[in-house]
Protein backbone atom coordinates (compact mmCIF):
# COMPACT_ATOMS: atom_id res chain seq x y z
CA MET A 1 9.07 -15.11 -5.82
CA ALA A 2 6.55 -12.32 -6.07
CA VAL A 3 2.89 -13.14 -6.54
CA SER A 4 1.86 -11.79 -9.93
CA TYR A 5 -1.64 -10.55 -10.67
CA MET A 6 -0.71 -9.66 -14.23
CA ASP A 7 -3.06 -10.82 -16.95
CA PHE A 8 -0.54 -12.37 -19.30
CA THR A 9 -3.21 -12.68 -22.01
CA SER A 10 -3.62 -8.89 -22.10
CA PRO A 11 -2.44 -7.04 -25.22
CA ASN A 12 -0.75 -4.58 -22.81
CA VAL A 13 1.65 -7.11 -21.34
CA GLN A 14 5.29 -5.92 -21.51
CA PHE A 15 8.44 -8.05 -21.62
CA THR A 16 11.11 -5.56 -22.76
CA TYR A 17 11.98 -1.94 -22.13
CA ASP A 18 14.67 0.58 -23.09
CA LEU A 19 15.88 2.36 -19.92
CA ARG A 20 17.09 5.29 -22.01
CA ASN A 21 13.43 6.23 -22.34
CA ASN A 22 13.05 6.76 -18.59
CA PRO A 23 15.71 9.10 -17.17
CA PHE A 24 15.39 9.41 -13.40
CA PHE A 25 17.95 12.21 -12.97
CA ILE A 26 20.34 14.05 -15.31
CA LYS A 27 23.14 16.25 -14.00
CA ASP A 28 25.10 16.35 -17.26
CA ASP A 29 26.09 13.99 -20.09
CA GLN A 30 28.50 12.08 -17.83
CA ASN A 31 26.40 11.93 -14.67
CA TYR A 32 22.87 10.62 -14.93
CA ILE A 33 20.56 7.82 -13.82
CA ASN A 34 17.96 5.86 -15.77
CA SER A 35 15.39 3.76 -13.97
CA LEU A 36 13.20 0.71 -14.44
CA SER A 37 10.27 -0.29 -12.26
CA VAL A 38 6.95 -2.07 -12.65
CA TYR A 39 5.59 1.20 -14.05
CA GLN A 40 7.78 0.77 -17.14
CA LEU A 41 7.78 -3.04 -17.36
CA ASN A 42 4.54 -4.44 -16.00
CA THR A 43 5.66 -8.08 -15.85
CA LEU A 44 8.29 -7.33 -13.20
CA GLY A 45 7.87 -9.00 -9.82
CA ASN A 46 9.70 -7.78 -6.71
CA VAL A 47 12.60 -6.30 -8.66
CA SER A 48 13.58 -2.93 -10.10
CA MET A 49 16.82 -1.23 -11.07
CA LEU A 50 18.75 1.98 -11.65
CA ASP A 51 21.30 2.40 -14.44
CA ILE A 52 23.89 4.83 -13.02
CA TYR A 53 26.64 6.74 -14.86
CA LEU A 54 29.21 8.85 -12.95
CA SER A 55 32.44 10.73 -13.56
CA THR A 56 35.25 11.14 -11.02
CA SER A 57 34.28 12.54 -7.60
CA ASN A 58 30.57 12.69 -8.36
CA VAL A 59 28.39 11.33 -5.58
CA VAL A 60 25.05 9.58 -5.46
CA GLU A 61 24.04 11.57 -2.42
CA PRO A 62 23.54 9.99 1.03
CA HIS A 63 20.08 8.40 1.17
CA ILE A 64 18.00 5.44 2.28
CA HIS A 65 15.59 3.10 0.52
CA GLN A 66 12.92 2.48 3.12
CA ASN A 67 11.27 -0.36 1.21
CA ALA A 68 14.14 -2.23 -0.45
CA SER A 69 17.64 -3.60 -0.22
CA GLU A 70 20.07 -2.49 -2.93
CA LEU A 71 22.64 -4.62 -4.71
CA ILE A 72 25.22 -2.44 -6.49
CA TYR A 73 27.10 -4.03 -9.40
CA CYS A 74 30.06 -2.26 -11.00
CA ILE A 75 30.16 -2.62 -14.79
CA THR A 76 32.98 -0.20 -15.56
CA GLY A 77 35.13 2.22 -13.58
CA GLU A 78 35.55 2.20 -9.81
CA VAL A 79 33.29 3.32 -7.00
CA LEU A 80 33.37 3.74 -3.25
CA VAL A 81 30.20 2.41 -1.64
CA ALA A 82 29.76 3.66 1.93
CA LEU A 83 27.06 2.69 4.40
CA ILE A 84 26.37 3.02 8.11
CA ASN A 85 25.61 -0.15 10.02
CA PRO A 86 22.85 0.97 12.43
CA PHE A 87 23.50 -1.99 14.74
CA THR A 88 27.25 -1.54 15.23
CA LYS A 89 27.30 2.25 14.63
CA GLU A 90 30.11 1.77 12.10
CA LEU A 91 30.82 3.51 8.81
CA LEU A 92 31.64 0.79 6.28
CA GLN A 93 33.41 1.65 3.01
CA PHE A 94 33.86 -0.74 0.10
CA GLN A 95 35.79 0.02 -3.06
CA ILE A 96 34.43 -2.06 -5.94
CA GLN A 97 35.58 -2.52 -9.52
CA PRO A 98 34.09 -4.26 -12.58
CA GLY A 99 32.56 -7.61 -11.73
CA GLN A 100 32.25 -6.82 -8.01
CA VAL A 101 29.18 -6.01 -5.94
CA ALA A 102 28.27 -4.32 -2.67
CA ASN A 103 24.99 -4.91 -0.87
CA VAL A 104 23.06 -2.30 1.13
CA PRO A 105 20.38 -3.75 3.46
CA GLN A 106 16.94 -2.18 3.43
CA GLY A 107 16.73 1.18 5.18
CA TRP A 108 20.50 1.65 5.70
CA TRP A 109 22.06 5.10 5.13
CA HIS A 110 24.49 4.93 2.20
CA TYR A 111 26.10 6.74 -0.71
CA GLU A 112 28.36 6.06 -3.70
CA ILE A 113 31.35 8.10 -4.91
CA ALA A 114 32.91 7.56 -8.34
CA LEU A 115 36.70 7.23 -8.09
CA VAL A 116 37.36 7.32 -11.85
CA ASP A 117 35.66 8.62 -14.97
CA ASN A 118 33.24 6.45 -16.95
CA THR A 119 31.98 4.64 -13.89
CA HIS A 120 28.87 2.62 -14.74
CA LEU A 121 26.79 0.91 -12.05
CA ILE A 122 23.64 -1.16 -11.92
CA ALA A 123 21.61 -0.91 -8.71
CA ILE A 124 19.11 -3.74 -8.24
CA PHE A 125 16.26 -3.54 -5.71
CA ASP A 126 14.00 -6.21 -4.23
CA ALA A 127 10.88 -4.09 -4.68
CA PRO A 128 8.78 -3.31 -7.77
CA VAL A 129 9.21 0.43 -7.14
CA PRO A 130 12.12 1.52 -4.90
CA GLU A 131 11.35 4.36 -2.49
CA LEU A 132 13.88 7.04 -1.61
CA ILE A 133 14.63 9.53 1.18
CA THR A 134 17.59 11.78 0.38
CA GLY A 135 20.01 13.57 2.65
CA SER A 136 19.44 16.82 0.80
CA ASP A 137 15.72 16.72 1.62
CA ILE A 138 16.38 15.92 5.28
CA LEU A 139 18.85 18.79 5.57
CA ARG A 140 16.81 21.42 3.75
CA LEU A 141 13.32 20.55 5.02
CA THR A 142 14.15 20.18 8.71
CA PRO A 143 13.97 23.71 10.23
CA ALA A 144 17.31 25.22 11.21
CA ASN A 145 16.07 25.91 14.72
CA VAL A 146 15.35 22.19 15.18
CA TRP A 147 18.89 21.23 14.17
CA ALA A 148 20.28 23.95 16.44
CA HIS A 149 18.16 23.08 19.47
CA THR A 150 18.55 19.31 19.15
CA TYR A 151 22.32 19.27 18.70
CA CYS A 152 23.27 22.52 20.51
CA LEU A 153 24.39 24.32 17.36
CA ASP A 154 24.50 27.95 16.27
CA GLU A 155 21.21 28.42 14.42
CA SER A 156 22.52 31.16 12.14
CA LYS A 157 25.45 28.99 11.07
CA VAL A 158 23.14 26.04 10.43
CA ARG A 159 20.85 28.22 8.33
CA ASP A 160 23.77 29.67 6.34
CA THR A 161 25.37 26.24 5.84
CA PHE A 162 22.22 24.60 4.48
CA ALA A 163 20.94 27.63 2.55
CA PRO A 164 22.50 26.53 -0.80
CA ILE A 165 20.54 23.26 -0.65
CA THR A 166 17.30 24.38 -2.29
CA GLU A 167 16.24 21.15 -4.00
CA THR A 168 16.82 17.40 -4.03
CA VAL A 169 20.40 16.80 -5.19
CA ILE A 170 20.54 13.07 -6.24
CA ILE A 171 24.00 13.45 -7.87
CA GLY A 172 26.32 15.92 -6.15
CA PRO A 173 27.92 18.27 -6.02
CA PRO A 174 25.27 20.36 -7.83
CA ASN A 175 26.28 22.19 -10.99
CA SER A 176 25.72 25.44 -9.12
CA CYS A 177 28.26 24.55 -6.42
CA GLN A 178 30.84 27.30 -5.89
CA TYR A 179 32.70 25.64 -3.01
CA ARG A 180 36.04 24.07 -3.87
CA PRO A 181 38.07 22.17 -1.24
CA VAL A 182 41.34 22.81 -3.10
CA GLN A 183 42.39 26.45 -3.07
CA GLY A 184 44.96 28.48 -5.04
CA ASN A 185 46.15 27.50 -8.49
CA ALA A 186 45.46 23.85 -7.82
CA GLY A 187 41.81 24.73 -7.33
CA ASN A 188 41.52 25.26 -11.06
CA ASP A 189 43.05 21.92 -11.89
CA GLN A 190 40.26 19.34 -12.13
CA ALA A 191 42.67 16.41 -11.92
CA THR A 192 44.15 17.79 -8.71
CA MET A 193 40.69 18.30 -7.29
CA ASN A 194 39.69 14.77 -8.20
CA GLN A 195 42.76 13.32 -6.50
CA ALA A 196 42.07 15.43 -3.42
CA THR A 197 38.52 14.08 -3.33
CA TYR A 198 39.80 10.52 -3.67
CA ASN A 199 42.24 11.02 -0.81
CA GLN A 200 39.61 12.64 1.38
CA VAL A 201 36.89 10.02 0.99
CA TYR A 202 38.99 6.89 0.71
CA HIS A 203 42.50 7.09 2.15
CA ASN A 204 41.96 9.39 5.14
CA GLN A 205 40.25 6.74 7.20
CA ALA A 206 42.06 7.63 10.43
CA ASN A 207 39.24 10.08 11.11
CA TYR A 208 36.79 7.17 11.30
CA PRO A 209 37.83 4.75 14.06
CA HIS A 210 34.95 2.39 13.25
CA THR A 211 35.54 2.14 9.52
CA HIS A 212 36.15 -1.00 7.52
CA ASN A 213 37.62 -0.97 4.02
CA GLN A 214 37.47 -3.96 1.71
CA ALA A 215 36.12 -5.11 -1.61
CA TYR A 216 33.49 -7.73 -2.21
CA PHE A 217 34.44 -10.63 -4.47
């Protein structure tokens, strides 16, 4: 239990809060995140949360929480939670549905992909204010020449590849994204695109020899 230094006799003490008053990120009316920390509810101990809404194929971008573990609870819909175990060097993928959870230990690289529309998640953290380092910031703020030199890559291709990432993404792909993995007539069919995304991120596991796939119960 967290040690509380709150003056519970203060007229400013808070016991309730409406998360709709604190949007953390809004992509559109189907993909957004509301947040709650000790800054909104001052009686919280070592706990905080995100209220996450996603439509099919939208991604809470790869990221880490350097100061907290994250417990992801599925309220509605279906989501793929993926994380890298830094000790075994394995990509772990867990498909969870309503009533199921997936846990991400503190500091582990992870992301979530909605597999159906109207996916609603609660992310609970064991810290009063969760900290965040996003993949989009790592990619765009690390100089292209460093990527190229470190990993023996073509610097011009690295620069061109990362050029569209001009800000923190949070929920991807960005609204400005012009790239579509499905070409031809099917590329205009959102349902076809969504199924292609599902197949790519969930079923095509042969490309990841150290991948596990299961649900938590």
